[in-house]
C-alpha atoms as a PDB file:
ATOM      1  CA  UNK A   1      46.948 132.479 126.842  1.00  0.00           C
ATOM      2  CA  UNK A   2      48.320 130.963 130.050  1.00  0.00           C
ATOM      3  CA  UNK A   3      45.289 128.746 130.544  1.00  0.00           C
ATOM      4  CA  UNK A   4      46.206 125.154 131.305  1.00  0.00           C
ATOM      5  CA  UNK A   5      43.609 122.437 131.908  1.00  0.00           C
ATOM      6  CA  UNK A   6      44.623 122.475 135.601  1.00  0.00           C
ATOM      7  CA  UNK A   7      43.880 126.219 135.780  1.00  0.00           C
ATOM      8  CA  UNK A   8      40.468 125.821 134.137  1.00  0.00           C
ATOM      9  CA  UNK A   9      39.620 122.785 136.284  1.00  0.00           C
ATOM     10  CA  UNK A  10      40.424 124.703 139.469  1.00  0.00           C
ATOM     11  CA  UNK A  11      38.673 127.808 138.150  1.00  0.00           C
ATOM     12  CA  UNK A  12      35.339 125.963 138.124  1.00  0.00           C
ATOM     13  CA  UNK A  13      35.639 125.203 141.831  1.00  0.00           C
ATOM     14  CA  UNK A  14      36.334 128.888 142.544  1.00  0.00           C
ATOM     15  CA  UNK A  15      33.585 130.051 140.191  1.00  0.00           C
ATOM     16  CA  UNK A  16      30.961 127.913 141.998  1.00  0.00           C
ATOM     17  CA  UNK A  17      32.153 128.343 145.568  1.00  0.00           C
ATOM     18  CA  UNK A  18      29.654 128.249 148.452  1.00  0.00           C
ATOM     19  CA  UNK A  19      29.725 130.208 151.658  1.00  0.00           C
ATOM     20  CA  UNK A  20      31.163 133.631 152.435  1.00  0.00           C
ATOM     21  CA  UNK A  21      33.526 133.532 149.424  1.00  0.00           C
ATOM     22  CA  UNK A  22      30.474 133.756 147.210  1.00  0.00           C
ATOM     23  CA  UNK A  23      30.017 137.349 148.355  1.00  0.00           C
ATOM     24  CA  UNK A  24      33.213 138.274 146.507  1.00  0.00           C
ATOM     25  CA  UNK A  25      32.722 138.882 142.775  1.00  0.00           C
ATOM     26  CA  UNK A  26      33.761 135.899 140.675  1.00  0.00           C
ATOM     27  CA  UNK A  27      36.263 137.866 138.613  1.00  0.00           C
ATOM     28  CA  UNK A  28      37.918 139.074 141.855  1.00  0.00           C
ATOM     29  CA  UNK A  29      38.175 135.565 143.262  1.00  0.00           C
ATOM     30  CA  UNK A  30      39.634 134.250 140.038  1.00  0.00           C
ATOM     31  CA  UNK A  31      42.113 137.127 139.744  1.00  0.00           C
ATOM     32  CA  UNK A  32      43.187 136.551 143.349  1.00  0.00           C
ATOM     33  CA  UNK A  33      43.766 132.824 142.761  1.00  0.00           C
ATOM     34  CA  UNK A  34      45.417 133.300 139.350  1.00  0.00           C
ATOM     35  CA  UNK A  35      47.218 136.650 139.460  1.00  0.00           C
ATOM     36  CA  UNK A  36      49.228 135.718 136.350  1.00  0.00           C
ATOM     37  CA  UNK A  37      46.075 135.899 134.190  1.00  0.00           C
ATOM     38  CA  UNK A  38      45.249 139.045 132.256  1.00  0.00           C
ATOM     39  CA  UNK A  39      41.892 140.743 132.323  1.00  0.00           C
ATOM     40  CA  UNK A  40      41.065 139.195 128.926  1.00  0.00           C
ATOM     41  CA  UNK A  41      41.999 135.738 130.183  1.00  0.00           C
ATOM     42  CA  UNK A  42      39.806 136.173 133.266  1.00  0.00           C
ATOM     43  CA  UNK A  43      36.941 137.214 130.995  1.00  0.00           C
ATOM     44  CA  UNK A  44      37.526 134.071 128.881  1.00  0.00           C
ATOM     45  CA  UNK A  45      37.602 131.904 132.035  1.00  0.00           C
ATOM     46  CA  UNK A  46      34.302 133.421 133.207  1.00  0.00           C
ATOM     47  CA  UNK A  47      32.679 132.593 129.855  1.00  0.00           C
ATOM     48  CA  UNK A  48      33.982 129.002 129.986  1.00  0.00           C
ATOM     49  CA  UNK A  49      32.762 128.546 133.555  1.00  0.00           C
ATOM     50  CA  UNK A  50      29.357 129.882 132.568  1.00  0.00           C
ATOM     51  CA  UNK A  51      29.206 127.183 129.880  1.00  0.00           C
ATOM     52  CA  UNK A  52      30.193 124.488 132.396  1.00  0.00           C
ATOM     53  CA  UNK A  53      27.496 125.735 134.757  1.00  0.00           C
ATOM     54  CA  UNK A  54      24.923 125.452 131.972  1.00  0.00           C
ATOM     55  CA  UNK A  55      25.982 121.831 131.351  1.00  0.00           C
ATOM     56  CA  UNK A  56      25.816 121.113 135.091  1.00  0.00           C
ATOM     57  CA  UNK A  57      22.238 122.375 135.232  1.00  0.00           C
ATOM     58  CA  UNK A  58      21.278 120.458 132.065  1.00  0.00           C
ATOM     59  CA  UNK A  59      22.503 117.282 133.782  1.00  0.00           C
ATOM     60  CA  UNK A  60      20.559 118.195 136.894  1.00  0.00           C
ATOM     61  CA  UNK A  61      17.383 118.656 134.837  1.00  0.00           C
ATOM     62  CA  UNK A  62      17.956 115.203 133.382  1.00  0.00           C
ATOM     63  CA  UNK A  63      17.948 113.776 136.952  1.00  0.00           C
ATOM     64  CA  UNK A  64      21.597 113.721 137.896  1.00  0.00           C
ATOM     65  CA  UNK A  65      23.318 110.496 138.875  1.00  0.00           C
ATOM     66  CA  UNK A  66      20.169 108.977 140.267  1.00  0.00           C
ATOM     67  CA  UNK A  67      18.478 108.945 136.864  1.00  0.00           C
ATOM     68  CA  UNK A  68      21.231 109.033 134.228  1.00  0.00           C
ATOM     69  CA  UNK A  69      24.105 107.531 136.200  1.00  0.00           C
ATOM     70  CA  UNK A  70      27.548 108.738 137.181  1.00  0.00           C
ATOM     71  CA  UNK A  71      29.363 107.533 134.103  1.00  0.00           C
ATOM     72  CA  UNK A  72      26.936 109.315 131.752  1.00  0.00           C
ATOM     73  CA  UNK A  73      27.275 112.520 133.739  1.00  0.00           C
ATOM     74  CA  UNK A  74      31.031 112.303 133.906  1.00  0.00           C
ATOM     75  CA  UNK A  75      31.347 111.485 130.214  1.00  0.00           C
ATOM     76  CA  UNK A  76      29.118 114.383 129.214  1.00  0.00           C
ATOM     77  CA  UNK A  77      31.122 116.798 131.351  1.00  0.00           C
ATOM     78  CA  UNK A  78      34.478 115.533 130.041  1.00  0.00           C
ATOM     79  CA  UNK A  79      33.299 115.582 126.430  1.00  0.00           C
ATOM     80  CA  UNK A  80      31.879 119.136 126.585  1.00  0.00           C
ATOM     81  CA  UNK A  81      34.602 120.498 128.870  1.00  0.00           C
ATOM     82  CA  UNK A  82      37.783 118.380 128.436  1.00  0.00           C
ATOM     83  CA  UNK A  83      39.685 120.510 130.945  1.00  0.00           C
ATOM     84  CA  UNK A  84      37.544 119.134 133.790  1.00  0.00           C
ATOM     85  CA  UNK A  85      39.467 116.235 135.304  1.00  0.00           C
ATOM     86  CA  UNK A  86      40.103 116.670 139.031  1.00  0.00           C
ATOM     87  CA  UNK A  87      38.466 118.930 141.631  1.00  0.00           C
ATOM     88  CA  UNK A  88      36.517 120.782 138.947  1.00  0.00           C
ATOM     89  CA  UNK A  89      34.992 117.567 137.572  1.00  0.00           C
ATOM     90  CA  UNK A  90      34.153 116.335 141.098  1.00  0.00           C
ATOM     91  CA  UNK A  91      32.562 119.693 141.925  1.00  0.00           C
ATOM     92  CA  UNK A  92      30.528 119.669 138.687  1.00  0.00           C
ATOM     93  CA  UNK A  93      29.193 116.206 139.479  1.00  0.00           C
ATOM     94  CA  UNK A  94      28.374 117.246 143.017  1.00  0.00           C
ATOM     95  CA  UNK A  95      26.533 120.355 141.837  1.00  0.00           C
ATOM     96  CA  UNK A  96      24.525 118.465 139.198  1.00  0.00           C
ATOM     97  CA  UNK A  97      23.406 115.999 141.868  1.00  0.00           C
ATOM     98  CA  UNK A  98      22.681 118.746 144.370  1.00  0.00           C
ATOM     99  CA  UNK A  99      20.596 120.731 141.895  1.00  0.00           C
ATOM    100  CA  UNK A 100      18.782 117.570 140.763  1.00  0.00           C
ATOM    101  CA  UNK A 101      17.900 116.795 144.372  1.00  0.00           C
ATOM    102  CA  UNK A 102      17.112 120.384 145.349  1.00  0.00           C
ATOM    103  CA  UNK A 103      14.874 121.040 142.344  1.00  0.00           C
ATOM    104  CA  UNK A 104      13.238 117.608 142.411  1.00  0.00           C
ATOM    105  CA  UNK A 105      14.642 116.332 139.104  1.00  0.00           C
ATOM    106  CA  UNK A 106      16.186 113.249 140.700  1.00  0.00           C
ATOM    107  CA  UNK A 107      12.955 111.314 140.777  1.00  0.00           C
ATOM    108  CA  UNK A 108      12.843 108.514 138.191  1.00  0.00           C
ATOM    109  CA  UNK A 109      10.038 108.965 135.631  1.00  0.00           C
ATOM    110  CA  UNK A 110       6.789 107.281 136.554  1.00  0.00           C
ATOM    111  CA  UNK A 111       4.872 105.168 134.121  1.00  0.00           C
END
């Protein structure tokens, strides 16, 4: 497979894009950005990005940065998905915090 860490890191940003690009199917966006990837490789990337998204939401449910801290979030993401290191990692942290705020998980537990 032609899947470098840099490709997978960037793929997460594309997979979770906001705005008008989101109207384009994920596999089409990925194929457009990475034309060298085969259909099987794109399918693999989609599965990996689905796993990253699940981790992002798990971190959101735990409260995001506000509750568990940036280093814990970053470490969890890097441990579960070692290819995240640049824009993909930053986007994953952003989304975990956004979902934590949007869904109200960012409130510290009350006694």
